[in-house]
Protein backbone atom coordinates (compact mmCIF):
# COMPACT_ATOMS: atom_id res chain seq x y z
CA MET A 1 -10.21 9.59 13.07
CA ARG A 2 -8.36 6.59 13.96
CA LYS A 3 -11.19 4.22 12.53
CA LYS A 4 -10.94 6.12 9.16
CA LYS A 5 -7.26 5.74 8.98
CA ILE A 6 -7.51 1.96 9.84
CA ILE A 7 -10.03 1.88 6.94
CA TYR A 8 -7.74 3.57 4.36
CA ASP A 9 -4.82 1.35 5.40
CA LEU A 10 -6.84 -1.60 4.89
CA LEU A 11 -8.07 -0.54 1.63
CA PHE A 12 -4.70 0.44 0.34
CA VAL A 13 -3.50 -3.26 1.43
CA LEU A 14 -6.60 -4.80 -0.45
CA LEU A 15 -6.19 -3.03 -3.36
CA SER A 16 -2.62 -3.45 -3.61
CA GLY A 17 -3.07 -7.22 -3.09
CA ILE A 18 -5.70 -7.33 -6.02
CA PHE A 19 -3.50 -5.42 -8.38
CA LEU A 20 -0.46 -7.99 -7.64
CA THR A 21 -2.92 -10.73 -7.98
CA VAL A 22 -3.97 -9.20 -11.41
CA LEU A 23 -0.52 -9.07 -12.61
CA ASP A 24 0.41 -12.53 -11.38
CA LYS A 25 -2.51 -13.95 -13.46
CA TYR A 26 -1.52 -12.49 -16.63
CA GLY A 27 1.89 -13.53 -16.01
CA LEU A 28 3.72 -10.28 -15.63
CA LEU A 29 5.22 -11.02 -12.31
CA HIS A 30 7.08 -14.10 -12.97
CA LYS A 31 10.33 -14.38 -10.63
CA TYR A 32 10.21 -10.83 -9.78
CA ALA A 33 7.02 -10.65 -7.47
CA GLY A 34 8.90 -10.05 -4.38
CA PHE A 35 10.27 -7.01 -6.11
CA ALA A 36 6.98 -5.92 -6.85
CA LEU A 37 6.29 -5.31 -3.24
CA ILE A 38 9.23 -2.95 -2.63
CA PRO A 39 7.56 0.19 -4.25
CA LEU A 40 4.14 -0.66 -2.79
CA VAL A 41 5.67 -0.70 0.60
CA ILE A 42 7.51 2.55 -0.10
CA ALA A 43 4.44 4.36 -1.05
CA TYR A 44 2.55 3.22 2.15
CA TYR A 45 5.28 4.17 4.67
CA THR A 46 5.76 7.55 2.82
CA GLY A 47 1.94 8.29 3.28
CA GLN A 48 2.24 7.14 6.91
CA ILE A 49 5.13 9.77 7.46
CA VAL A 50 3.19 12.55 5.26
CA GLU A 51 0.21 12.09 7.60
CA ARG A 52 2.05 12.06 10.78
CA LYS A 53 4.18 15.24 9.76
CA PHE A 54 1.09 17.16 8.45
CA THR A 55 -1.79 16.16 10.67
CA ASN A 56 -2.72 19.02 13.05
CA LYS A 57 -1.37 18.36 16.67
CA LYS A 58 -3.89 18.65 19.54
């Protein structure tokens, strides 16, 4: 279970990075690149909290 979680975490980070790189390549980020990370970080941590809350505890 732990390895699967790490894989999903890395996949999320890589896809987010690719998404931001593509936006930057087409000039859609300009001077607000730092603010573009805020929704991504919120989504990531929300997923972490939901996983902890709803995972069956053994």
